[in-house]
Each structure stands twice: as structure tokens, then as C-alpha cells.
């Protein structure tokens, strides 16, 4: 496939997801705020990285993308405003509060049945539950959802 996919992911297993997607799609870009240990390997495989891009650079990259995958951030909302389909990985936030989009074009992943769930998680570091809100989202499920969105 010749789709351009833009990722902005942090605690989700970046390298695994990027490699999984690379086997199906020709061009993948990833926004980063810090170096990724596997970045050199991923770049050698043709995955492109934008480190701390300006708003103009991010909007330009999004406008050329066929899909955005990432957390619920301003970048995701910009993608939706630019009519780019999104896949959102919700951790501690409640998607019903921050995701006013059609779920067919903008699906999301959210682990609703966790013991630590309240109305909102204020923790910056999850010491008790090891970020289950993110770690229980499988690379395969996100990759499959991306393929489904891009082929429908």
C-alpha cells in the first residue's frame, strides 16, 4: 500500500508497532519528543522521524497523511480537523470526555475495566498498575485497525 501514516506515540510500544506497520505500508512518519533507542534501525528500514517539529511542520505532515495513530493530544485533534482518520490510544483519560468524533473514522482503544479506573488518573508515574491502561492495548489490534481503516 502507498499510504502515508503518521504516528505520535510515547508509552505505547513504538518500535513494535512501527515495524508491524512497515510490513504493510510504504511510508511511515513518527513524531518524537525524545530519542527512541531503536531509531537508527527504524530509519534504516525507511521510517521517517520528525523530532519536536513546529506546529507548521506537524500540520504539513498531517495534511499529507492518510492516517494518524497516537494519544489524545492536540496533534490528534488537528488531524481530525484536517479530515485525516485517526486511531487514538487512550490511557488514563476518558474517551467520552475528549473524543467527540465518529468512531468509524476515528476509532479508539481504551481499557475500561481496570481496577484503577476512576473519573481521571492524576498519576504522572504509574507505580501500582504498570500502565495497564496502555500495556493491555496490543500492537496487533492497533495494526489491524489501521489496515481496516485504510482499506475500507
N, C-alpha and C. Protein backbone atom coordinates (compact mmCIF):
# COMPACT_ATOMS: atom_id res chain seq x y z
N UNK A 1 0.84 -1.18 0.00
CA UNK A 1 0.00 0.00 0.00
C UNK A 1 0.88 1.24 0.00
N UNK A 2 0.35 2.31 -0.52
CA UNK A 2 1.14 3.53 -0.65
C UNK A 2 0.64 4.62 0.28
N UNK A 3 0.12 4.25 1.43
CA UNK A 3 -0.39 5.23 2.37
C UNK A 3 0.73 5.86 3.17
N UNK A 4 0.51 7.08 3.58
CA UNK A 4 1.43 7.77 4.48
C UNK A 4 0.75 7.77 5.84
N UNK A 5 1.42 7.23 6.83
CA UNK A 5 0.86 7.11 8.17
C UNK A 5 1.73 7.91 9.12
N UNK A 6 1.09 8.68 9.98
CA UNK A 6 1.80 9.49 10.95
C UNK A 6 1.52 8.97 12.35
N UNK A 7 2.57 8.73 13.10
CA UNK A 7 2.46 8.25 14.47
C UNK A 7 2.92 9.32 15.43
N UNK A 8 2.28 9.41 16.57
CA UNK A 8 2.81 10.18 17.69
C UNK A 8 2.48 9.34 18.92
N UNK A 9 3.44 8.58 19.35
CA UNK A 9 3.19 7.64 20.44
C UNK A 9 4.32 7.74 21.46
N UNK A 10 3.99 7.54 22.71
CA UNK A 10 5.03 7.61 23.73
C UNK A 10 5.15 6.29 24.47
N UNK A 11 4.27 6.02 25.43
CA UNK A 11 4.45 4.82 26.22
C UNK A 11 4.03 3.55 25.49
N UNK A 12 3.28 3.69 24.45
CA UNK A 12 2.90 2.51 23.67
C UNK A 12 4.15 1.96 23.00
N UNK A 13 4.21 0.70 22.75
CA UNK A 13 5.40 0.04 22.23
C UNK A 13 5.71 0.51 20.80
N UNK A 14 6.40 1.66 20.72
CA UNK A 14 6.67 2.33 19.44
C UNK A 14 7.31 1.42 18.41
N UNK A 15 8.45 0.88 18.76
CA UNK A 15 9.22 0.13 17.77
C UNK A 15 8.43 -1.06 17.24
N UNK A 16 7.77 -1.78 18.11
CA UNK A 16 6.98 -2.94 17.68
C UNK A 16 5.87 -2.52 16.73
N UNK A 17 5.16 -1.46 17.08
CA UNK A 17 4.07 -1.01 16.23
C UNK A 17 4.58 -0.49 14.89
N UNK A 18 5.65 0.29 14.92
CA UNK A 18 6.21 0.82 13.68
C UNK A 18 6.68 -0.31 12.76
N UNK A 19 7.35 -1.31 13.31
CA UNK A 19 7.79 -2.44 12.50
C UNK A 19 6.61 -3.23 11.96
N UNK A 20 5.60 -3.41 12.77
CA UNK A 20 4.40 -4.13 12.33
C UNK A 20 3.74 -3.41 11.16
N UNK A 21 3.65 -2.10 11.25
CA UNK A 21 3.02 -1.32 10.20
C UNK A 21 3.89 -1.25 8.95
N UNK A 22 5.19 -1.22 9.13
CA UNK A 22 6.11 -1.08 7.99
C UNK A 22 5.97 -2.24 7.02
N UNK A 23 5.61 -3.41 7.52
CA UNK A 23 5.48 -4.56 6.63
C UNK A 23 4.28 -4.42 5.68
N UNK A 24 3.34 -3.52 5.99
CA UNK A 24 2.15 -3.36 5.17
C UNK A 24 2.06 -2.03 4.43
N UNK A 25 2.81 -1.03 4.86
CA UNK A 25 2.67 0.30 4.30
C UNK A 25 4.02 0.84 3.87
N UNK A 26 4.03 1.63 2.81
CA UNK A 26 5.27 2.10 2.23
C UNK A 26 5.92 3.27 2.94
N UNK A 27 5.14 4.16 3.51
CA UNK A 27 5.74 5.36 4.08
C UNK A 27 5.14 5.61 5.45
N UNK A 28 5.99 5.66 6.44
CA UNK A 28 5.56 5.90 7.81
C UNK A 28 6.42 7.01 8.39
N UNK A 29 5.78 7.97 9.04
CA UNK A 29 6.48 9.04 9.75
C UNK A 29 6.13 8.94 11.22
N UNK A 30 7.04 9.35 12.07
CA UNK A 30 6.82 9.29 13.51
C UNK A 30 7.29 10.58 14.14
N UNK A 31 6.41 11.24 14.91
CA UNK A 31 6.80 12.43 15.67
C UNK A 31 7.37 11.98 17.00
N UNK A 32 8.50 12.54 17.38
CA UNK A 32 9.13 12.17 18.64
C UNK A 32 9.43 13.40 19.48
N UNK A 33 9.45 13.21 20.79
CA UNK A 33 9.88 14.27 21.70
C UNK A 33 11.18 13.89 22.38
N UNK A 34 11.59 12.65 22.20
CA UNK A 34 12.87 12.19 22.72
C UNK A 34 13.36 11.07 21.82
N UNK A 35 14.66 10.82 21.86
CA UNK A 35 15.21 9.77 21.01
C UNK A 35 14.60 8.42 21.36
N UNK A 36 14.44 7.60 20.36
CA UNK A 36 13.94 6.25 20.51
C UNK A 36 15.15 5.32 20.38
N UNK A 37 15.37 4.39 21.32
CA UNK A 37 16.55 3.54 21.25
C UNK A 37 16.70 2.81 19.91
N UNK A 38 15.59 2.43 19.31
CA UNK A 38 15.63 1.68 18.04
C UNK A 38 15.58 2.60 16.82
N UNK A 39 15.75 3.91 17.03
CA UNK A 39 15.54 4.87 15.96
C UNK A 39 16.45 4.63 14.75
N UNK A 40 17.72 4.35 14.97
CA UNK A 40 18.63 4.11 13.84
C UNK A 40 18.19 2.92 13.01
N UNK A 41 17.80 1.84 13.68
CA UNK A 41 17.32 0.66 12.97
C UNK A 41 16.07 1.00 12.17
N UNK A 42 15.14 1.68 12.79
CA UNK A 42 13.89 2.01 12.12
C UNK A 42 14.12 2.95 10.94
N UNK A 43 15.02 3.91 11.10
CA UNK A 43 15.35 4.80 9.98
C UNK A 43 15.96 4.02 8.83
N UNK A 44 16.80 3.03 9.14
CA UNK A 44 17.41 2.22 8.09
C UNK A 44 16.35 1.41 7.33
N UNK A 45 15.20 1.19 7.94
CA UNK A 45 14.10 0.46 7.30
C UNK A 45 13.14 1.40 6.57
N UNK A 46 13.46 2.70 6.57
CA UNK A 46 12.66 3.67 5.82
C UNK A 46 11.58 4.37 6.60
N UNK A 47 11.61 4.29 7.93
CA UNK A 47 10.65 5.03 8.75
C UNK A 47 11.25 6.40 9.03
N UNK A 48 10.48 7.43 8.80
CA UNK A 48 10.96 8.81 8.91
C UNK A 48 10.54 9.40 10.25
N UNK A 49 11.41 10.20 10.86
CA UNK A 49 11.15 10.78 12.17
C UNK A 49 11.21 12.30 12.09
N UNK A 50 10.31 12.95 12.81
CA UNK A 50 10.33 14.39 12.98
C UNK A 50 10.47 14.65 14.47
N UNK A 51 11.59 15.22 14.87
CA UNK A 51 11.86 15.46 16.28
C UNK A 51 11.39 16.85 16.66
N UNK A 52 10.41 16.93 17.57
CA UNK A 52 9.92 18.21 18.07
C UNK A 52 9.66 19.21 16.96
N UNK A 53 8.85 18.83 15.99
CA UNK A 53 8.53 19.70 14.87
C UNK A 53 7.72 20.91 15.30
N UNK A 54 7.80 21.95 14.51
CA UNK A 54 6.98 23.14 14.75
C UNK A 54 5.53 22.80 14.40
N UNK A 55 4.62 23.64 14.84
CA UNK A 55 3.21 23.42 14.51
C UNK A 55 3.01 23.40 13.00
N UNK A 56 3.68 24.28 12.31
CA UNK A 56 3.59 24.32 10.84
C UNK A 56 4.09 23.01 10.21
N UNK A 57 5.22 22.50 10.71
CA UNK A 57 5.77 21.24 10.18
C UNK A 57 4.82 20.07 10.46
N UNK A 58 4.29 20.03 11.67
CA UNK A 58 3.37 18.94 12.04
C UNK A 58 2.11 19.01 11.18
N UNK A 59 1.54 20.20 11.01
CA UNK A 59 0.35 20.34 10.19
C UNK A 59 0.62 19.97 8.73
N UNK A 60 1.80 20.31 8.23
CA UNK A 60 2.16 19.93 6.87
C UNK A 60 2.26 18.43 6.71
N UNK A 61 2.87 17.77 7.68
CA UNK A 61 2.99 16.31 7.64
C UNK A 61 1.62 15.66 7.77
N UNK A 62 0.80 16.17 8.68
CA UNK A 62 -0.55 15.62 8.84
C UNK A 62 -1.38 15.79 7.57
N UNK A 63 -1.26 16.93 6.92
CA UNK A 63 -2.07 17.18 5.73
C UNK A 63 -1.74 16.21 4.59
N UNK A 64 -0.57 15.59 4.64
CA UNK A 64 -0.17 14.62 3.63
C UNK A 64 -0.42 13.19 4.07
N UNK A 65 -0.96 13.00 5.26
CA UNK A 65 -1.12 11.66 5.83
C UNK A 65 -2.50 11.08 5.53
N UNK A 66 -2.55 9.77 5.41
CA UNK A 66 -3.81 9.08 5.25
C UNK A 66 -4.34 8.53 6.57
N UNK A 67 -3.49 8.58 7.63
CA UNK A 67 -3.89 8.06 8.94
C UNK A 67 -2.97 8.63 10.00
N UNK A 68 -3.55 8.93 11.17
CA UNK A 68 -2.79 9.35 12.34
C UNK A 68 -3.04 8.33 13.45
N UNK A 69 -1.97 7.87 14.10
CA UNK A 69 -2.08 6.97 15.24
C UNK A 69 -1.34 7.62 16.40
N UNK A 70 -2.01 7.76 17.54
CA UNK A 70 -1.35 8.36 18.68
C UNK A 70 -2.28 8.52 19.86
N UNK A 71 -1.78 9.23 20.86
CA UNK A 71 -2.55 9.50 22.07
C UNK A 71 -3.52 10.65 21.82
N UNK A 72 -4.36 10.91 22.81
CA UNK A 72 -5.29 12.02 22.74
C UNK A 72 -4.53 13.31 23.04
N UNK A 73 -4.05 13.93 21.99
CA UNK A 73 -3.26 15.15 22.13
C UNK A 73 -3.79 16.18 21.14
N UNK A 74 -3.25 17.36 21.20
CA UNK A 74 -3.61 18.38 20.23
C UNK A 74 -3.35 17.92 18.81
N UNK A 75 -2.29 17.14 18.62
CA UNK A 75 -1.95 16.64 17.28
C UNK A 75 -3.09 15.79 16.72
N UNK A 76 -3.70 14.97 17.57
CA UNK A 76 -4.83 14.14 17.12
C UNK A 76 -5.99 15.02 16.69
N UNK A 77 -6.28 16.05 17.45
CA UNK A 77 -7.40 16.93 17.13
C UNK A 77 -7.13 17.72 15.85
N UNK A 78 -5.87 18.09 15.62
CA UNK A 78 -5.50 18.76 14.36
C UNK A 78 -5.71 17.79 13.20
N UNK A 79 -5.30 16.54 13.36
CA UNK A 79 -5.50 15.55 12.30
C UNK A 79 -6.98 15.42 11.97
N UNK A 80 -7.81 15.32 12.99
CA UNK A 80 -9.26 15.20 12.76
C UNK A 80 -9.79 16.44 12.04
N UNK A 81 -9.30 17.63 12.43
CA UNK A 81 -9.73 18.88 11.79
C UNK A 81 -9.31 18.92 10.32
N UNK A 82 -8.20 18.26 10.00
CA UNK A 82 -7.71 18.19 8.62
C UNK A 82 -8.34 17.03 7.85
N UNK A 83 -9.33 16.38 8.47
CA UNK A 83 -10.06 15.27 7.87
C UNK A 83 -9.19 14.03 7.65
N UNK A 84 -8.19 13.86 8.50
CA UNK A 84 -7.33 12.68 8.46
C UNK A 84 -7.90 11.68 9.47
N UNK A 85 -8.17 10.43 9.07
CA UNK A 85 -8.65 9.44 10.04
C UNK A 85 -7.62 9.27 11.15
N UNK A 86 -8.11 8.97 12.35
CA UNK A 86 -7.23 8.81 13.50
C UNK A 86 -7.52 7.51 14.22
N UNK A 87 -6.51 6.99 14.88
CA UNK A 87 -6.67 5.91 15.86
C UNK A 87 -6.04 6.45 17.13
N UNK A 88 -6.85 6.54 18.19
CA UNK A 88 -6.37 7.14 19.43
C UNK A 88 -6.20 6.08 20.50
N UNK A 89 -5.05 6.13 21.17
CA UNK A 89 -4.73 5.22 22.26
C UNK A 89 -4.94 5.97 23.57
N UNK A 90 -6.05 5.69 24.23
CA UNK A 90 -6.36 6.37 25.48
C UNK A 90 -5.76 5.60 26.65
N UNK A 91 -5.04 6.31 27.49
CA UNK A 91 -4.51 5.74 28.72
C UNK A 91 -5.44 6.09 29.86
N UNK A 92 -5.04 7.02 30.70
CA UNK A 92 -5.86 7.35 31.86
C UNK A 92 -7.06 8.24 31.55
N UNK A 93 -7.07 8.92 30.41
CA UNK A 93 -8.17 9.83 30.10
C UNK A 93 -9.42 9.06 29.68
N UNK A 94 -10.57 9.67 29.88
CA UNK A 94 -11.83 9.09 29.47
C UNK A 94 -12.16 9.53 28.05
N UNK A 95 -12.28 8.60 27.10
CA UNK A 95 -12.54 9.00 25.72
C UNK A 95 -13.90 9.67 25.53
N UNK A 96 -14.84 9.39 26.39
CA UNK A 96 -16.16 10.01 26.23
C UNK A 96 -16.11 11.51 26.51
N UNK A 97 -15.08 11.94 27.22
CA UNK A 97 -14.93 13.36 27.51
C UNK A 97 -14.15 14.09 26.42
N UNK A 98 -13.18 13.39 25.80
CA UNK A 98 -12.23 14.06 24.91
C UNK A 98 -12.26 13.55 23.46
N UNK A 99 -13.25 12.76 23.10
CA UNK A 99 -13.27 12.17 21.76
C UNK A 99 -14.65 12.35 21.13
N UNK A 100 -14.94 13.55 20.62
CA UNK A 100 -16.27 13.82 20.07
C UNK A 100 -16.42 13.42 18.60
N UNK A 101 -15.65 12.44 18.15
CA UNK A 101 -15.60 12.11 16.73
C UNK A 101 -16.34 10.81 16.41
N UNK A 102 -16.71 10.67 15.15
CA UNK A 102 -17.32 9.45 14.65
C UNK A 102 -16.34 8.29 14.83
N UNK A 103 -16.74 7.27 15.56
CA UNK A 103 -15.82 6.18 15.89
C UNK A 103 -15.52 5.26 14.70
N UNK A 104 -16.27 5.36 13.63
CA UNK A 104 -15.93 4.57 12.44
C UNK A 104 -14.71 5.15 11.74
N UNK A 105 -14.64 6.46 11.68
CA UNK A 105 -13.49 7.13 11.04
C UNK A 105 -12.38 7.43 12.04
N UNK A 106 -12.73 7.50 13.32
CA UNK A 106 -11.78 7.84 14.37
C UNK A 106 -11.92 6.86 15.55
N UNK A 107 -11.59 5.60 15.33
CA UNK A 107 -11.73 4.63 16.43
C UNK A 107 -10.70 4.89 17.53
N UNK A 108 -10.97 4.33 18.70
CA UNK A 108 -10.02 4.48 19.80
C UNK A 108 -9.91 3.18 20.58
N UNK A 109 -8.82 3.08 21.32
CA UNK A 109 -8.59 1.95 22.22
C UNK A 109 -8.60 2.50 23.65
N UNK A 110 -9.35 1.81 24.52
CA UNK A 110 -9.49 2.24 25.91
C UNK A 110 -9.79 1.02 26.76
N UNK A 111 -9.02 0.83 27.81
CA UNK A 111 -9.22 -0.29 28.72
C UNK A 111 -10.15 0.17 29.86
N UNK A 112 -11.43 -0.08 29.71
CA UNK A 112 -12.40 0.48 30.66
C UNK A 112 -12.55 -0.32 31.95
N UNK A 113 -12.15 -1.56 31.95
CA UNK A 113 -12.43 -2.44 33.11
C UNK A 113 -11.27 -2.58 34.08
N UNK A 114 -10.43 -1.59 34.21
CA UNK A 114 -9.30 -1.67 35.12
C UNK A 114 -9.70 -1.29 36.54
N UNK A 115 -9.09 -1.93 37.52
CA UNK A 115 -9.39 -1.63 38.93
C UNK A 115 -9.06 -0.18 39.29
N UNK A 116 -8.06 0.37 38.65
CA UNK A 116 -7.62 1.73 39.00
C UNK A 116 -8.47 2.81 38.35
N UNK A 117 -9.43 2.44 37.52
CA UNK A 117 -10.24 3.43 36.81
C UNK A 117 -11.09 4.24 37.77
N UNK A 118 -11.02 5.53 37.61
CA UNK A 118 -11.90 6.46 38.29
C UNK A 118 -12.39 7.40 37.22
N UNK A 119 -12.69 8.60 37.58
CA UNK A 119 -13.09 9.55 36.55
C UNK A 119 -11.87 10.06 35.79
N UNK A 120 -10.70 10.05 36.44
CA UNK A 120 -9.48 10.52 35.80
C UNK A 120 -8.29 10.06 36.63
N UNK A 121 -7.19 9.75 36.01
CA UNK A 121 -5.99 9.30 36.72
C UNK A 121 -5.01 10.47 36.81
N UNK A 122 -4.70 10.92 38.01
CA UNK A 122 -3.80 12.06 38.16
C UNK A 122 -2.32 11.68 38.22
N UNK A 123 -2.00 10.38 38.16
CA UNK A 123 -0.62 9.93 38.35
C UNK A 123 0.25 10.27 37.14
N UNK A 124 1.42 10.83 37.40
CA UNK A 124 2.40 11.02 36.32
C UNK A 124 3.19 9.74 36.10
N UNK A 125 3.40 8.98 37.16
CA UNK A 125 4.11 7.70 37.08
C UNK A 125 3.20 6.64 37.70
N UNK A 126 2.89 5.61 36.93
CA UNK A 126 2.01 4.55 37.40
C UNK A 126 2.86 3.51 38.14
N UNK A 127 2.83 3.56 39.46
CA UNK A 127 3.67 2.67 40.25
C UNK A 127 2.95 1.39 40.65
N UNK A 128 1.65 1.42 40.66
CA UNK A 128 0.89 0.28 41.17
C UNK A 128 0.40 -0.66 40.08
N UNK A 129 0.05 -0.13 38.93
CA UNK A 129 -0.60 -0.95 37.91
C UNK A 129 0.22 -1.10 36.62
N UNK A 130 1.42 -0.57 36.60
CA UNK A 130 2.36 -0.74 35.47
C UNK A 130 1.75 -0.32 34.12
N UNK A 131 1.04 0.78 34.12
CA UNK A 131 0.44 1.33 32.90
C UNK A 131 -0.40 0.32 32.12
N UNK A 132 -1.19 -0.46 32.84
CA UNK A 132 -2.05 -1.43 32.16
C UNK A 132 -2.99 -0.74 31.18
N UNK A 133 -3.35 0.50 31.46
CA UNK A 133 -4.24 1.21 30.55
C UNK A 133 -3.64 1.29 29.14
N UNK A 134 -2.31 1.27 29.05
CA UNK A 134 -1.65 1.27 27.74
C UNK A 134 -1.10 -0.10 27.38
N UNK A 135 -0.51 -0.80 28.33
CA UNK A 135 0.17 -2.07 28.01
C UNK A 135 -0.80 -3.16 27.58
N UNK A 136 -2.07 -3.05 27.94
CA UNK A 136 -3.05 -4.07 27.52
C UNK A 136 -3.56 -3.84 26.10
N UNK A 137 -3.20 -2.72 25.49
CA UNK A 137 -3.54 -2.49 24.08
C UNK A 137 -2.50 -3.21 23.25
N UNK A 138 -2.92 -4.17 22.44
CA UNK A 138 -1.94 -4.96 21.70
C UNK A 138 -1.51 -4.26 20.41
N UNK A 139 -0.27 -4.48 20.05
CA UNK A 139 0.27 -3.96 18.79
C UNK A 139 -0.55 -4.50 17.63
N UNK A 140 -0.89 -5.78 17.71
CA UNK A 140 -1.65 -6.43 16.63
C UNK A 140 -3.03 -5.78 16.45
N UNK A 141 -3.70 -5.45 17.55
CA UNK A 141 -5.04 -4.85 17.42
C UNK A 141 -4.97 -3.46 16.78
N UNK A 142 -3.96 -2.68 17.13
CA UNK A 142 -3.81 -1.35 16.53
C UNK A 142 -3.44 -1.48 15.05
N UNK A 143 -2.51 -2.37 14.74
CA UNK A 143 -2.10 -2.59 13.36
C UNK A 143 -3.28 -3.06 12.51
N UNK A 144 -4.06 -3.99 13.04
CA UNK A 144 -5.23 -4.49 12.30
C UNK A 144 -6.27 -3.39 12.07
N UNK A 145 -6.48 -2.54 13.08
CA UNK A 145 -7.44 -1.45 12.94
C UNK A 145 -6.95 -0.47 11.87
N UNK A 146 -5.66 -0.20 11.83
CA UNK A 146 -5.11 0.70 10.81
C UNK A 146 -5.34 0.12 9.41
N UNK A 147 -5.05 -1.14 9.24
CA UNK A 147 -5.26 -1.78 7.93
C UNK A 147 -6.73 -1.73 7.54
N UNK A 148 -7.61 -1.97 8.50
CA UNK A 148 -9.05 -1.93 8.25
C UNK A 148 -9.49 -0.52 7.81
N UNK A 149 -9.01 0.50 8.51
CA UNK A 149 -9.38 1.88 8.16
C UNK A 149 -8.90 2.26 6.77
N UNK A 150 -7.71 1.83 6.43
CA UNK A 150 -7.11 2.26 5.15
C UNK A 150 -7.61 1.45 3.96
N UNK A 151 -8.24 0.33 4.22
CA UNK A 151 -8.74 -0.47 3.10
C UNK A 151 -10.25 -0.39 2.96
N UNK A 152 -10.91 0.37 3.85
CA UNK A 152 -12.39 0.46 3.75
C UNK A 152 -12.80 1.66 2.93
